[in-house]
Protein backbone atom coordinates (compact mmCIF):
# COMPACT_ATOMS: atom_id res chain seq x y z
CA MET A 1 114.82 144.53 100.30
CA GLU A 2 111.31 145.77 99.60
CA SER A 3 111.12 143.94 96.28
CA ALA A 4 112.20 140.68 97.92
CA SER A 5 109.54 140.95 100.62
CA PHE A 6 106.94 141.89 98.00
CA SER A 7 107.73 138.79 95.95
CA VAL A 8 107.48 136.59 99.05
CA LEU A 9 104.12 138.14 99.96
CA LEU A 10 102.95 137.68 96.38
CA MET A 11 103.92 134.00 96.51
CA ILE A 12 102.08 133.51 99.81
CA ALA A 13 98.97 135.21 98.42
CA ALA A 14 99.07 133.11 95.25
CA SER A 15 99.57 129.94 97.34
CA ALA A 16 96.45 130.76 99.31
CA LEU A 17 94.22 132.04 96.51
CA ILE A 18 94.84 129.41 93.82
CA PRO A 19 93.68 126.42 95.95
CA LEU A 20 90.67 128.38 97.17
CA ALA A 21 89.77 129.26 93.58
CA MET A 22 90.09 125.59 92.57
CA LEU A 23 87.83 124.48 95.40
CA ALA A 24 85.26 127.14 94.54
CA ALA A 25 85.31 126.21 90.84
CA GLY A 26 84.84 122.53 91.67
CA THR A 27 81.95 123.30 93.98
CA LEU A 28 80.21 125.65 91.53
CA LEU A 29 80.83 123.74 88.30
CA GLY A 30 80.86 120.14 89.50
CA PRO A 31 77.94 117.70 89.16
CA ARG A 32 75.45 117.60 92.00
CA ARG A 33 73.84 114.20 91.44
CA ALA A 34 73.54 112.24 94.68
CA GLY A 35 72.89 108.53 94.92
CA SER A 36 73.46 105.48 97.06
CA VAL A 37 76.37 104.25 94.95
CA LYS A 38 78.03 107.65 94.92
CA GLY A 39 77.86 107.82 98.70
CA MET A 40 79.62 104.48 99.19
CA PRO A 41 83.28 104.38 100.15
CA TYR A 42 85.56 103.34 97.29
CA GLU A 43 89.04 101.89 97.46
CA SER A 44 91.07 100.39 94.62
CA ASP A 45 88.13 99.05 92.60
CA MET A 46 86.96 96.92 95.53
CA ASP A 47 83.40 97.11 96.80
CA PRO A 48 83.23 97.47 100.59
CA ILE A 49 81.65 94.12 101.43
CA HIS A 50 83.29 93.55 104.82
CA ASP A 51 83.63 95.45 108.04
CA ALA A 52 86.22 98.22 107.94
CA ARG A 53 87.89 96.81 111.06
CA ARG A 54 88.68 93.37 109.66
CA ARG A 55 92.17 92.00 110.02
CA PHE A 56 94.71 92.37 107.27
CA ASP A 57 97.53 89.98 106.65
CA VAL A 58 100.80 91.28 108.04
CA ARG A 59 102.40 90.92 104.60
CA PHE A 60 100.61 94.04 103.39
CA HIS A 61 102.37 95.99 106.12
CA LEU A 62 105.71 94.31 105.39
CA VAL A 63 105.51 95.36 101.75
CA ALA A 64 104.65 98.91 102.81
CA VAL A 65 107.65 99.03 105.15
CA ALA A 66 109.88 97.59 102.42
CA PHE A 67 108.70 100.30 100.04
CA ILE A 68 109.47 103.02 102.59
CA ILE A 69 112.92 101.58 103.28
CA PHE A 70 113.91 101.45 99.63
CA ASP A 71 112.37 104.85 98.97
CA VAL A 72 114.47 106.38 101.76
CA GLU A 73 117.50 104.57 100.34
CA LEU A 74 117.05 106.49 97.08
CA LEU A 75 116.85 109.73 99.04
CA PHE A 76 120.26 108.96 100.55
CA LEU A 77 121.85 107.90 97.26
CA ASP A 78 120.70 110.83 95.15
CA PRO A 79 122.89 113.52 96.79
CA TRP A 80 125.92 111.23 96.56
CA ALA A 81 125.30 110.60 92.87
CA VAL A 82 124.93 114.31 92.16
CA ALA A 83 127.97 115.28 94.24
CA SER A 84 130.22 112.65 92.71
CA GLY A 85 129.51 113.84 89.18
CA HIS A 86 129.56 117.58 89.86
CA PRO A 87 132.92 119.41 89.74
CA GLN A 88 132.12 121.24 92.99
CA GLY A 89 131.03 118.07 94.77
CA VAL A 90 133.34 115.45 96.23
CA ASP A 91 136.48 116.80 94.56
CA LYS A 92 135.95 120.23 96.12
CA ALA A 93 135.53 118.60 99.54
CA VAL A 94 138.82 116.72 99.03
CA GLU A 95 140.58 119.97 98.06
CA ALA A 96 139.17 121.73 101.13
CA GLY A 97 140.46 118.94 103.37
CA LEU A 98 137.03 117.88 104.61
CA ILE A 99 137.66 114.28 103.50
CA SER A 100 140.88 112.50 102.63
CA GLY A 101 139.81 111.16 99.23
CA ARG A 102 137.07 109.98 96.93
CA GLY A 103 137.60 106.41 98.10
CA ILE A 104 136.25 107.22 101.56
CA VAL A 105 132.99 108.51 100.09
CA PHE A 106 132.71 105.58 97.70
CA GLY A 107 133.45 103.08 100.47
CA SER A 108 130.83 104.57 102.78
CA VAL A 109 128.21 104.44 100.02
CA MET A 110 129.11 100.81 99.24
CA PHE A 111 128.85 100.03 102.98
CA PHE A 112 125.37 101.58 102.99
CA LEU A 113 124.36 99.70 99.83
CA PHE A 114 125.62 96.43 101.31
CA PHE A 115 123.17 96.72 104.19
CA VAL A 116 120.34 97.74 101.88
CA VAL A 117 120.96 94.70 99.66
CA LEU A 118 121.27 92.54 102.78
CA GLY A 119 117.80 93.76 103.82
CA LEU A 120 116.44 92.98 100.36
CA VAL A 121 117.89 89.45 100.49
CA TYR A 122 116.40 88.96 103.95
CA GLU A 123 112.96 90.08 102.73
CA TRP A 124 113.24 87.89 99.66
CA ARG A 125 114.18 84.83 101.72
CA ARG A 126 111.33 85.45 104.19
CA GLY A 127 108.82 85.59 101.34
CA VAL A 128 107.70 89.18 101.82
CA LEU A 129 107.85 89.83 98.09
CA ARG A 130 105.87 86.70 97.16
CA TRP A 131 102.29 87.54 96.16
CA ARG A 132 100.98 84.12 95.12
CA TRP A 133 99.12 83.68 98.40
CA ALA A 134 96.98 86.79 97.79
CA CYS A 135 95.46 85.46 94.58
CA ARG A 136 94.22 82.30 96.24
CA THR A 137 92.14 84.21 98.80
CA ILE A 138 90.30 86.33 96.21
CA PRO A 139 87.30 84.75 94.45
CA ILE A 140 87.88 84.00 90.76
CA TRP A 141 85.40 86.60 89.53
CA ARG A 142 87.15 89.39 91.52
CA ARG A 143 90.75 88.65 90.57
CA THR A 144 92.68 91.43 88.90
CA LEU A 145 94.89 91.00 85.88
CA ILE A 146 97.94 90.84 88.13
CA CYS A 147 96.56 87.88 90.05
CA GLN A 148 95.52 86.17 86.84
CA ALA A 149 98.99 86.67 85.38
CA ALA A 150 100.56 85.27 88.55
CA ILE A 151 98.32 82.18 88.37
CA ILE A 152 99.17 81.66 84.70
CA CYS A 153 102.87 81.93 85.51
CA GLN A 154 102.50 79.40 88.36
CA THR A 155 100.80 76.87 86.11
CA THR A 156 103.37 77.24 83.33
CA LEU A 157 106.38 76.82 85.63
């Protein structure tokens, strides 16, 4: 028992000391040049030319919510995929009598996937995933390669 508690204490000490050592090394060895450009806020290669409290289009938030939804969907599907392929997964639960068969598990996952795909179709039909509108609001000299590629694709279609 003493060796287990020692290893836990060693892990806690290492978890505390390594970040502190990294911060100290960055402070001591990092450059110290200050300037007006270095003090400016920076976000995604965009210069802050507007007020920070300006309104954003709701589509930015819709895309963020869509990302979270589909990210959580993967979190739910991963354990099922691992359990269905592992010999001690779904088959062991069937043998123990916890579920009546593999079909129940497969059906419940397909039911879940149906609603996820239904949400994707709904978002697609509502235009949440369409980004053409964003390129039109950005001046030509500030457009990224993605916006330029989208404009080229629009003109060739």
